[in-house]
Amino acid sequence: CVNSKSTNKRQQRQYQQLTMGLNEEETLTTTLIDPESLDNPNPTYQKGELQESKCRDAWAAILFYAQLIAVCCVCGVLGVPAVRRNVGDVVVVEGRTDYTGLIYVTLIAAASSFALSTISLTLMTTCPKFLIQLSLLFSLLLSLLITATSFYYQQYIAGAFGILFFLLSCCYACCVWRRIAFAAANLNTGLTAVKRNGGVFVTSVWITVVSFGYLVVWMVAMVGVYDATAAAAAGGGNVEGNNVQPSWGYLFLLLLSLFWTQQVFQNTIHVIVAGVVSTWWFAPDEASSCCSVAIKDSFIRATTSSFGSICFGSLLVAIIQTLRSMVESARHDSSNDGCAAFVLCLVDCLLQCLQGILEYFNKFAYIYVGMYGYSYLEAGKNVMTLFHAKGWDIIIADDLVSNTLSLFALIGGGLVGCVGLATNAAFPSWLTGFEGAASGIAFGFSFLIGLVISSIMLSVVDSSVNTVLVSFAEAPEEFQQNHPKLSGEMRDAWRLVYPAECGF
């Protein structure tokens, strides 16, 4: 009996040990990482889907239209009468300046800028890799030239900074040189997409023209506010010379309106391009002509159902831009002591960092807005989840294409400025009313026009390249099926530069 009891106890202990072992094995199994899950660190990510057509972030759109109406009302009630009063005070002399010649120079500069931009796009399509290499070498030569000029004029401190900048540029060029093939493949695909839908450039130019029109309205409204402030100060006997400025509240609202509206116009172009390129990616038959259906649909979606999302993200950036502008204005106030100037410098640095983060977030969030019609926050969350799931956090930080396009915009502006000088030399009678400043006026106006138009054209390309990056992360199979040649070029370049991250 004793033996049977001890046997039963021994069997019970063995059963408990076996059960504990099984439980520990199950616990260990559940805590181990499945090697296959390493290929997809975020298995909860789902591919984007086209959203139903309805207004998203409508409150932001309503608020935007409200401030737009308010600025127009201020322009009409205060600005226009103030401008008329100021113009009426001007004495018109018989030899007044004739601006007809300046209009001719402006038209020639605009036509030249469009022609040069078209040539630039063609060259980029033909040899994108060479042009990216050339842009890197050009920046090195420019920094070296600035250094040599500084030492020639005995500006040794500027020359020392020039040497430091040249060395840093050399290090940057050495680090990114191997990534040129990757950037060139992305640039070639983005250029192909927008060239197949050339009407997107025309749409972008018209949106920019509208933004210039708003800028004129805003400037007249600003004149009205300043005039009303001066009149109120004069009535109260608080005028000190000509140093009359609106209150900080009025100034904040005016600057916020300016920055917000300009951001909305800029991001609307970005969203339209993203919609067109994504349509070309998934359904090339609908996006393969100058006036394709994709351009019309993307424009309508960006200005209606997705307009609130555009206004939402633009408002966040505009608030920071307004605060930075006011902080910089306060920094230039001579009454500030050293401690206040140091604090303002820190605040400005912090705001600049926040602005960079928001602009980086918006760049990719608006691509998802244009592709699928998500709301602003949902689009940003989904696209960042996509990059994190793919392990492409480093890849999306590549800025070779953006730097190359910015350099080409500056070169385009300089060449158009030279066209302005040549026009002034060929037709000197056009700018006779500007006396000795005719050459400077011709170059300055032509350079500004060339820079603006080149920036618009090349910003379309930049948006297209970013959309290609997002689309390639999400739908490489569709790209291979619809554009096999371009897909093969991109796959080869990505395997060469990012063999571990690309995933194929």
Protein backbone atom coordinates (compact mmCIF):
# COMPACT_ATOMS: atom_id res chain seq x y z
CA CYS A 1 0.00 0.00 0.00
CA VAL A 2 2.85 2.34 0.86
CA ASN A 3 4.60 1.40 -2.37
CA SER A 4 1.47 2.10 -4.38
CA LYS A 5 1.08 5.51 -2.74
CA SER A 6 4.71 6.44 -3.44
CA THR A 7 4.31 5.26 -7.01
CA ASN A 8 1.22 7.41 -7.47
CA LYS A 9 3.03 10.43 -6.05
CA ARG A 10 6.01 9.82 -8.35
CA GLN A 11 3.68 9.55 -11.35
CA GLN A 12 1.93 12.77 -10.36
CA ARG A 13 5.30 14.59 -10.13
CA GLN A 14 6.33 13.25 -13.54
CA TYR A 15 3.02 14.40 -15.03
CA GLN A 16 3.43 17.86 -13.52
CA GLN A 17 6.99 18.14 -14.86
CA LEU A 18 5.85 17.03 -18.31
CA THR A 19 2.98 19.54 -18.26
CA MET A 20 5.31 22.35 -17.17
CA GLY A 21 7.75 21.43 -19.94
CA LEU A 22 5.01 21.57 -22.53
CA ASN A 23 3.82 24.94 -21.23
CA GLU A 24 7.38 26.33 -21.33
CA GLU A 25 7.80 25.05 -24.90
CA GLU A 26 4.55 26.69 -25.96
CA THR A 27 5.59 29.94 -24.27
CA LEU A 28 9.02 29.85 -25.95
CA THR A 29 7.44 29.13 -29.33
CA THR A 30 5.10 32.08 -29.05
CA THR A 31 7.94 34.45 -28.10
CA LEU A 32 10.29 33.38 -30.89
CA ILE A 33 10.39 35.52 -34.07
CA ASP A 34 9.35 33.81 -37.23
CA PRO A 35 12.20 34.29 -39.77
CA GLU A 36 9.63 34.86 -42.53
CA SER A 37 8.19 37.80 -40.60
CA LEU A 38 11.48 39.65 -40.96
CA ASP A 39 10.61 40.32 -44.61
CA ASN A 40 7.49 42.14 -43.44
CA PRO A 41 8.19 43.84 -40.08
CA ASN A 42 4.74 45.43 -40.09
CA PRO A 43 2.27 42.74 -41.22
CA THR A 44 -0.69 44.98 -40.36
CA TYR A 45 0.02 47.24 -43.35
CA GLN A 46 -2.60 47.09 -46.08
CA LYS A 47 -2.29 48.32 -49.63
CA GLY A 48 -3.98 51.64 -50.37
CA GLU A 49 -7.47 51.65 -51.84
CA LEU A 50 -9.32 54.29 -53.80
CA GLN A 51 -11.65 56.10 -51.39
CA GLU A 52 -15.23 57.05 -52.11
CA SER A 53 -15.75 60.55 -53.45
CA LYS A 54 -16.67 62.77 -50.52
CA CYS A 55 -15.26 65.91 -48.93
CA ARG A 56 -12.53 65.20 -46.38
CA ASP A 57 -11.21 67.68 -43.81
CA ALA A 58 -14.00 70.01 -44.95
CA TRP A 59 -13.52 72.32 -41.97
CA ALA A 60 -10.09 73.31 -43.29
CA ALA A 61 -11.50 74.14 -46.72
CA ILE A 62 -14.29 76.24 -45.18
CA LEU A 63 -11.78 78.10 -43.03
CA PHE A 64 -9.54 78.69 -46.05
CA TYR A 65 -12.36 80.14 -48.14
CA ALA A 66 -13.40 82.31 -45.19
CA GLN A 67 -9.95 83.88 -44.86
CA LEU A 68 -9.78 84.30 -48.64
CA ILE A 69 -13.08 86.22 -48.62
CA ALA A 70 -11.87 88.29 -45.65
CA VAL A 71 -8.69 89.33 -47.49
CA CYS A 72 -10.71 90.27 -50.57
CA CYS A 73 -13.07 92.36 -48.42
CA VAL A 74 -10.14 94.16 -46.77
CA CYS A 75 -8.67 94.74 -50.22
CA GLY A 76 -11.92 96.27 -51.48
CA VAL A 77 -12.89 98.27 -48.39
CA LEU A 78 -9.49 99.52 -47.22
CA GLY A 79 -6.90 98.68 -49.86
CA VAL A 80 -8.39 100.08 -53.07
CA PRO A 81 -9.30 103.50 -51.57
CA ALA A 82 -5.82 103.73 -50.00
CA VAL A 83 -4.14 102.97 -53.32
CA ARG A 84 -6.30 105.54 -55.09
CA ARG A 85 -5.42 108.19 -52.51
CA ASN A 86 -1.72 107.46 -52.82
CA VAL A 87 -1.84 107.41 -56.60
CA GLY A 88 -3.75 110.70 -56.60
CA ASP A 89 -0.91 112.29 -54.66
CA VAL A 90 1.60 111.48 -57.41
CA VAL A 91 2.41 114.32 -59.75
CA VAL A 92 2.45 113.06 -63.33
CA VAL A 93 5.10 114.73 -65.46
CA GLU A 94 5.24 114.87 -69.19
CA GLY A 95 8.29 112.58 -69.48
CA ARG A 96 6.85 109.69 -67.51
CA THR A 97 8.31 106.19 -67.94
CA ASP A 98 6.84 104.04 -70.68
CA TYR A 99 6.41 100.42 -69.53
CA THR A 100 5.58 99.02 -72.97
CA GLY A 101 9.18 97.97 -73.60
CA LEU A 102 9.34 96.23 -70.23
CA ILE A 103 6.25 94.24 -71.18
CA TYR A 104 7.98 93.16 -74.39
CA VAL A 105 11.07 92.07 -72.45
CA THR A 106 8.85 90.13 -70.04
CA LEU A 107 7.08 88.27 -72.85
CA ILE A 108 10.38 87.37 -74.52
CA ALA A 109 11.76 86.16 -71.19
CA ALA A 110 8.68 84.00 -70.56
CA ALA A 111 8.86 82.44 -74.03
CA SER A 112 12.60 81.79 -73.59
CA SER A 113 12.01 80.21 -70.20
CA PHE A 114 9.42 77.79 -71.57
CA ALA A 115 11.75 76.87 -74.42
CA LEU A 116 14.72 76.30 -72.10
CA SER A 117 12.58 74.27 -69.69
CA THR A 118 11.44 72.04 -72.56
CA ILE A 119 15.06 71.53 -73.64
CA SER A 120 16.04 70.74 -70.05
CA LEU A 121 13.33 68.08 -69.74
CA THR A 122 14.47 66.51 -73.02
CA LEU A 123 18.09 66.43 -71.89
CA MET A 124 17.12 64.89 -68.55
CA THR A 125 15.26 62.12 -70.33
CA THR A 126 18.22 61.46 -72.66
CA CYS A 127 21.03 61.38 -70.09
CA PRO A 128 19.75 61.68 -66.50
CA LYS A 129 22.78 60.02 -64.93
CA PHE A 130 25.24 62.38 -66.61
CA LEU A 131 23.22 65.44 -65.61
CA ILE A 132 23.12 64.39 -61.94
CA GLN A 133 26.89 63.87 -62.04
CA LEU A 134 27.28 67.26 -63.72
CA SER A 135 25.22 68.97 -61.03
CA LEU A 136 27.44 67.54 -58.29
CA LEU A 137 30.61 68.63 -60.09
CA PHE A 138 29.13 72.06 -60.76
CA SER A 139 28.48 72.62 -57.06
CA LEU A 140 32.10 71.67 -56.32
CA LEU A 141 33.45 74.05 -58.94
CA LEU A 142 31.17 76.84 -57.70
CA SER A 143 32.36 76.49 -54.10
CA LEU A 144 35.97 76.41 -55.31
CA LEU A 145 35.40 79.57 -57.36
CA ILE A 146 33.86 81.38 -54.39
CA THR A 147 36.86 80.37 -52.24
CA ALA A 148 39.36 81.63 -54.82
CA THR A 149 37.48 84.91 -55.22
CA SER A 150 37.43 85.47 -51.47
CA PHE A 151 41.19 85.00 -51.17
CA TYR A 152 41.78 87.20 -54.23
CA TYR A 153 39.98 90.10 -52.54
CA GLN A 154 41.78 89.32 -49.23
CA GLN A 155 38.63 88.17 -47.47
CA TYR A 156 40.43 85.46 -45.54
CA ILE A 157 37.61 84.55 -43.16
CA ALA A 158 35.20 84.07 -46.06
CA GLY A 159 37.91 82.09 -47.86
CA ALA A 160 38.35 79.80 -44.83
CA PHE A 161 34.62 79.11 -44.75
CA GLY A 162 34.80 78.54 -48.51
CA ILE A 163 37.47 75.87 -48.02
CA LEU A 164 35.37 74.20 -45.32
CA PHE A 165 32.31 74.25 -47.57
CA PHE A 166 34.37 72.82 -50.46
CA LEU A 167 35.66 69.96 -48.31
CA LEU A 168 32.18 69.18 -47.06
CA SER A 169 30.90 69.23 -50.65
CA CYS A 170 33.64 66.79 -51.65
CA CYS A 171 32.69 64.43 -48.82
CA TYR A 172 29.02 64.65 -49.81
CA ALA A 173 29.83 63.93 -53.47
CA CYS A 174 31.92 60.89 -52.52
CA CYS A 175 29.15 59.53 -50.28
CA VAL A 176 26.32 59.90 -52.80
CA TRP A 177 28.21 59.09 -56.01
CA ARG A 178 27.22 55.42 -55.85
CA ARG A 179 23.55 56.43 -55.57
CA ILE A 180 23.53 58.32 -58.87
CA ALA A 181 22.27 55.32 -60.85
CA PHE A 182 19.38 54.95 -58.40
CA ALA A 183 18.43 58.64 -58.65
CA ALA A 184 18.77 58.60 -62.45
CA ALA A 185 16.37 55.64 -62.77
CA ASN A 186 13.77 57.38 -60.61
CA LEU A 187 14.21 60.64 -62.53
CA ASN A 188 13.83 58.91 -65.89
CA THR A 189 10.60 57.20 -64.84
CA GLY A 190 9.16 60.41 -63.38
CA LEU A 191 10.02 62.38 -66.52
CA THR A 192 8.44 59.73 -68.75
CA ALA A 193 5.21 59.90 -66.75
CA VAL A 194 4.80 63.68 -66.93
CA LYS A 195 5.92 63.93 -70.57
CA ARG A 196 3.15 61.50 -71.51
CA ASN A 197 0.74 63.92 -69.77
CA GLY A 198 2.12 67.29 -70.85
CA GLY A 199 -1.07 69.11 -69.92
CA VAL A 200 -0.09 68.89 -66.26
CA PHE A 201 2.57 71.55 -66.93
CA VAL A 202 -0.07 73.90 -68.35
CA THR A 203 -2.30 73.27 -65.33
CA SER A 204 0.58 74.07 -62.99
CA VAL A 205 1.37 77.32 -64.79
CA TRP A 206 -2.26 78.46 -64.59
CA ILE A 207 -2.41 77.70 -60.88
CA THR A 208 0.75 79.75 -60.42
CA VAL A 209 -0.78 82.66 -62.38
CA VAL A 210 -3.79 82.55 -60.04
CA SER A 211 -1.43 82.59 -57.05
CA PHE A 212 0.25 85.71 -58.45
CA GLY A 213 -3.18 87.32 -58.78
CA TYR A 214 -3.89 86.57 -55.13
CA LEU A 215 -0.50 88.05 -54.20
CA VAL A 216 -1.54 91.36 -55.82
CA VAL A 217 -4.84 91.32 -53.87
CA TRP A 218 -2.97 90.60 -50.64
CA MET A 219 -0.51 93.44 -51.22
CA VAL A 220 -3.36 95.91 -51.80
CA ALA A 221 -5.03 94.64 -48.59
CA MET A 222 -1.75 95.15 -46.73
CA VAL A 223 -1.55 98.73 -48.04
CA GLY A 224 -5.09 99.31 -46.77
CA VAL A 225 -4.27 97.98 -43.30
CA TYR A 226 -1.14 100.14 -43.08
CA ASP A 227 -3.09 103.19 -44.27
CA ALA A 228 -5.88 102.60 -41.75
CA THR A 229 -3.30 102.11 -38.97
CA ALA A 230 -1.56 105.38 -39.92
CA ALA A 231 -4.89 107.23 -39.98
CA ALA A 232 -5.83 105.87 -36.54
CA ALA A 233 -2.41 106.79 -35.15
CA ALA A 234 -2.64 110.29 -36.63
CA GLY A 235 -6.10 110.78 -35.09
CA GLY A 236 -4.79 109.75 -31.71
CA GLY A 237 -1.61 111.79 -32.02
CA ASN A 238 0.63 108.70 -31.81
CA VAL A 239 2.51 109.14 -35.09
CA GLU A 240 6.28 109.20 -34.82
CA GLY A 241 7.59 110.10 -38.24
CA ASN A 242 6.75 107.40 -40.76
CA ASN A 243 7.27 104.52 -38.34
CA VAL A 244 3.68 103.29 -38.27
CA GLN A 245 3.04 99.54 -38.26
CA PRO A 246 -0.09 97.44 -37.74
CA SER A 247 -0.52 95.62 -34.47
CA TRP A 248 1.03 92.19 -34.10
CA GLY A 249 -2.43 90.62 -34.33
CA TYR A 250 -3.20 92.14 -37.73
CA LEU A 251 0.30 91.35 -38.95
CA PHE A 252 0.00 87.72 -37.85
CA LEU A 253 -3.34 87.26 -39.63
CA LEU A 254 -2.09 88.89 -42.84
CA LEU A 255 1.09 86.83 -42.94
CA LEU A 256 -0.83 83.66 -42.08
CA SER A 257 -3.19 84.31 -44.99
CA LEU A 258 -0.28 84.88 -47.37
CA PHE A 259 1.70 81.79 -46.39
CA TRP A 260 -1.38 79.57 -46.17
CA THR A 261 -2.66 80.52 -49.61
CA GLN A 262 0.73 80.07 -51.25
CA GLN A 263 1.11 76.67 -49.58
CA VAL A 264 -2.35 75.63 -50.79
CA PHE A 265 -1.53 76.53 -54.40
CA GLN A 266 1.81 74.74 -54.23
CA ASN A 267 0.38 71.58 -52.65
CA THR A 268 -2.56 71.54 -55.08
CA ILE A 269 -0.07 71.18 -57.93
CA HIS A 270 1.66 68.40 -55.98
CA VAL A 271 -1.59 66.49 -55.45
CA ILE A 272 -2.61 66.84 -59.12
CA VAL A 273 0.74 65.48 -60.29
CA ALA A 274 0.50 62.58 -57.83
CA GLY A 275 -2.94 61.66 -59.18
CA VAL A 276 -1.82 61.81 -62.81
CA VAL A 277 1.37 59.78 -62.26
CA SER A 278 -0.42 57.12 -60.20
CA THR A 279 -3.02 56.75 -62.95
CA TRP A 280 -0.21 56.36 -65.49
CA TRP A 281 1.31 53.73 -63.17
CA PHE A 282 -1.84 51.61 -62.74
CA ALA A 283 -3.88 52.42 -65.88
CA PRO A 284 -1.60 53.87 -68.57
CA ASP A 285 -4.40 53.97 -71.15
CA GLU A 286 -6.08 56.74 -69.14
CA ALA A 287 -2.91 58.85 -68.78
CA SER A 288 -1.04 58.86 -72.07
CA SER A 289 -1.93 62.15 -73.80
CA CYS A 290 -1.54 65.89 -73.31
CA CYS A 291 -5.18 66.31 -72.25
CA SER A 292 -5.75 62.89 -70.72
CA VAL A 293 -8.64 61.90 -68.51
CA ALA A 294 -6.22 61.53 -65.63
CA ILE A 295 -5.38 65.25 -65.66
CA LYS A 296 -9.03 66.26 -65.56
CA ASP A 297 -9.97 63.77 -62.83
CA SER A 298 -6.93 64.64 -60.71
CA PHE A 299 -7.63 68.37 -61.02
CA ILE A 300 -11.28 67.93 -60.03
CA ARG A 301 -10.42 65.69 -57.07
CA ALA A 302 -7.68 68.07 -55.85
CA THR A 303 -9.96 71.11 -55.98
CA THR A 304 -13.06 69.46 -54.52
CA SER A 305 -13.08 66.33 -52.35
CA SER A 306 -9.37 66.48 -51.40
CA PHE A 307 -9.14 70.26 -51.13
CA GLY A 308 -9.81 70.20 -47.39
CA SER A 309 -6.90 67.82 -46.86
CA ILE A 310 -4.65 70.15 -48.86
CA CYS A 311 -5.77 73.11 -46.73
CA PHE A 312 -5.23 71.17 -43.48
CA GLY A 313 -1.57 70.32 -44.06
CA SER A 314 -0.87 73.70 -45.62
CA LEU A 315 -2.27 75.45 -42.54
CA LEU A 316 0.16 73.66 -40.22
CA VAL A 317 3.17 74.73 -42.28
CA ALA A 318 1.78 78.26 -42.72
CA ILE A 319 1.43 78.75 -38.95
CA ILE A 320 5.09 77.87 -38.43
CA GLN A 321 6.15 80.09 -41.35
CA THR A 322 4.20 83.00 -39.86
CA LEU A 323 5.73 82.51 -36.43
CA ARG A 324 9.21 82.31 -37.97
CA SER A 325 8.63 85.51 -39.92
CA MET A 326 7.55 87.35 -36.77
CA VAL A 327 10.46 85.95 -34.76
CA GLU A 328 12.92 87.04 -37.44
CA SER A 329 11.34 90.49 -37.43
CA ALA A 330 11.74 90.67 -33.66
CA ARG A 331 15.37 89.55 -33.92
CA HIS A 332 16.17 92.60 -36.06
CA ASP A 333 14.75 94.92 -33.40
CA SER A 334 17.68 96.95 -32.08
CA SER A 335 16.05 97.32 -28.65
CA ASN A 336 16.57 93.63 -27.82
CA ASP A 337 19.37 92.82 -25.37
CA GLY A 338 21.75 89.89 -25.73
CA CYS A 339 19.61 87.46 -23.72
CA ALA A 340 16.45 88.21 -25.72
CA ALA A 341 18.32 87.89 -29.02
CA PHE A 342 19.70 84.49 -27.91
CA VAL A 343 16.24 83.22 -26.95
CA LEU A 344 14.77 84.43 -30.25
CA CYS A 345 17.58 82.66 -32.11
CA LEU A 346 16.76 79.39 -30.32
CA VAL A 347 13.05 79.79 -31.05
CA ASP A 348 13.79 80.45 -34.70
CA CYS A 349 15.98 77.33 -34.89
CA LEU A 350 13.25 75.22 -33.27
CA LEU A 351 10.59 76.55 -35.65
CA GLN A 352 12.85 75.87 -38.61
CA CYS A 353 13.26 72.24 -37.52
CA LEU A 354 9.49 71.85 -37.07
CA GLN A 355 8.88 73.36 -40.50
CA GLY A 356 11.33 70.92 -42.10
CA ILE A 357 9.65 67.94 -40.42
CA LEU A 358 6.18 69.05 -41.49
CA GLU A 359 7.24 69.75 -45.08
CA TYR A 360 8.89 66.32 -45.25
CA PHE A 361 5.71 64.70 -43.92
CA ASN A 362 3.49 66.66 -46.31
CA LYS A 363 5.57 65.75 -49.34
CA PHE A 364 4.64 62.09 -49.05
CA ALA A 365 1.24 62.48 -47.36
CA TYR A 366 -0.09 64.48 -50.30
CA ILE A 367 0.98 61.73 -52.67
CA TYR A 368 -1.44 59.37 -50.97
CA VAL A 369 -4.07 62.10 -51.03
CA GLY A 370 -3.64 62.39 -54.79
CA MET A 371 -3.45 58.63 -55.37
CA TYR A 372 -6.37 57.41 -53.28
CA GLY A 373 -8.22 60.42 -51.84
CA TYR A 374 -7.43 59.75 -48.15
CA SER A 375 -7.80 62.46 -45.53
CA TYR A 376 -4.65 64.32 -44.56
CA LEU A 377 -3.77 62.50 -41.34
CA GLU A 378 -4.82 59.10 -42.67
CA ALA A 379 -2.73 59.59 -45.82
CA GLY A 380 0.35 60.56 -43.83
CA LYS A 381 -0.04 57.62 -41.47
CA ASN A 382 -0.52 55.11 -44.29
CA VAL A 383 2.39 56.26 -46.44
CA MET A 384 4.81 56.35 -43.50
CA THR A 385 3.60 52.89 -42.47
CA LEU A 386 4.31 51.72 -46.01
CA PHE A 387 7.90 52.96 -45.94
CA HIS A 388 8.48 51.54 -42.48
CA ALA A 389 7.06 48.17 -43.50
CA LYS A 390 9.35 48.11 -46.52
CA GLY A 391 12.35 49.31 -44.54
CA TRP A 392 12.77 52.28 -46.88
CA ASP A 393 13.23 55.01 -44.26
CA ILE A 394 16.74 55.70 -45.60
CA ILE A 395 15.77 55.45 -49.26
CA ILE A 396 13.13 58.20 -49.09
CA ALA A 397 15.70 60.58 -47.58
CA ASP A 398 17.65 60.58 -50.86
CA ASP A 399 17.67 64.16 -52.19
CA LEU A 400 19.88 63.91 -55.27
CA VAL A 401 17.03 64.51 -57.69
CA SER A 402 15.69 67.52 -55.77
CA ASN A 403 19.14 69.11 -55.60
CA THR A 404 19.67 68.56 -59.32
CA LEU A 405 16.32 70.11 -60.21
CA SER A 406 16.96 73.13 -57.97
CA LEU A 407 20.31 73.70 -59.64
CA PHE A 408 18.75 73.49 -63.08
CA ALA A 409 16.12 76.04 -62.04
CA LEU A 410 18.87 78.49 -61.04
CA ILE A 411 20.77 77.86 -64.26
CA GLY A 412 17.57 78.36 -66.24
CA GLY A 413 16.94 81.67 -64.48
CA GLY A 414 20.48 82.82 -65.24
CA LEU A 415 20.21 81.92 -68.92
CA VAL A 416 16.90 83.74 -69.26
CA GLY A 417 18.53 86.73 -67.55
CA CYS A 418 21.20 86.69 -70.25
CA VAL A 419 18.41 86.65 -72.84
CA GLY A 420 17.08 89.81 -71.19
CA LEU A 421 20.48 91.48 -71.52
CA ALA A 422 20.68 90.47 -75.19
CA THR A 423 17.19 91.87 -75.77
CA ASN A 424 18.15 95.16 -74.19
CA ALA A 425 21.27 95.33 -76.38
CA ALA A 426 19.26 94.57 -79.54
CA PHE A 427 16.39 96.96 -78.72
CA PRO A 428 17.81 99.71 -76.46
CA SER A 429 14.83 101.99 -77.11
CA TRP A 430 12.51 99.66 -75.17
CA LEU A 431 14.00 100.61 -71.77
CA THR A 432 15.15 104.17 -72.38
CA GLY A 433 12.97 105.52 -69.57
CA PHE A 434 15.01 103.64 -66.95
CA GLU A 435 18.18 105.67 -67.63
CA GLY A 436 21.32 103.86 -66.43
CA ALA A 437 19.42 100.97 -64.82
CA ALA A 438 18.17 99.51 -68.12
CA SER A 439 20.61 96.57 -68.12
CA GLY A 440 19.90 95.74 -64.49
CA ILE A 441 16.14 95.93 -65.04
CA ALA A 442 16.36 93.71 -68.13
CA PHE A 443 18.48 91.08 -66.37
CA GLY A 444 16.59 91.21 -63.06
CA PHE A 445 13.10 90.88 -64.52
CA SER A 446 14.18 88.18 -66.96
CA PHE A 447 16.03 86.23 -64.24
CA LEU A 448 13.01 86.35 -61.92
CA ILE A 449 10.60 85.20 -64.65
CA GLY A 450 12.96 82.44 -65.76
CA LEU A 451 13.46 81.25 -62.18
CA VAL A 452 9.72 81.15 -61.45
CA ILE A 453 8.75 79.31 -64.64
CA SER A 454 11.67 76.87 -64.40
CA SER A 455 10.83 76.16 -60.77
CA ILE A 456 7.21 75.42 -61.67
CA MET A 457 8.13 73.08 -64.51
CA LEU A 458 10.77 71.26 -62.48
CA SER A 459 8.61 71.08 -59.34
CA VAL A 460 6.20 69.01 -61.42
CA VAL A 461 9.08 66.63 -62.16
CA ASP A 462 10.05 66.51 -58.48
CA SER A 463 6.48 65.62 -57.48
CA SER A 464 6.42 62.97 -60.19
CA VAL A 465 9.64 61.37 -58.93
CA ASN A 466 8.32 61.25 -55.35
CA THR A 467 5.10 59.64 -56.60
CA VAL A 468 7.16 57.06 -58.49
CA LEU A 469 8.98 56.24 -55.25
CA VAL A 470 5.71 55.67 -53.37
CA SER A 471 4.13 53.70 -56.20
CA PHE A 472 7.20 51.50 -56.59
CA ALA A 473 7.09 50.71 -52.88
CA GLU A 474 3.44 49.74 -53.04
CA ALA A 475 2.86 48.23 -56.48
CA PRO A 476 6.03 46.99 -58.24
CA GLU A 477 4.08 44.16 -59.92
CA GLU A 478 1.69 46.55 -61.65
CA PHE A 479 4.64 48.62 -62.85
CA GLN A 480 6.33 45.52 -64.27
CA GLN A 481 3.12 44.59 -66.07
CA ASN A 482 2.34 48.04 -67.52
CA HIS A 483 5.86 49.43 -68.11
CA PRO A 484 8.27 46.48 -68.30
CA LYS A 485 11.22 48.40 -69.78
CA LEU A 486 11.20 51.15 -67.17
CA SER A 487 10.57 48.59 -64.44
CA GLY A 488 13.63 46.60 -65.50
CA GLU A 489 15.82 49.71 -65.40
CA MET A 490 14.60 50.67 -61.95
CA ARG A 491 14.99 47.17 -60.55
CA ASP A 492 18.58 46.94 -61.82
CA ALA A 493 19.48 50.34 -60.36
CA TRP A 494 17.85 49.59 -57.01
CA ARG A 495 19.57 46.21 -56.71
CA LEU A 496 22.90 47.93 -57.37
CA VAL A 497 22.49 50.65 -54.74
CA TYR A 498 20.09 49.15 -52.16
CA PRO A 499 20.40 45.35 -52.55
CA ALA A 500 19.11 44.58 -49.03
CA GLU A 501 16.34 47.18 -48.80
CA CYS A 502 14.74 46.85 -52.23
CA GLY A 503 13.27 43.38 -51.52
CA PHE A 504 13.69 41.89 -55.00
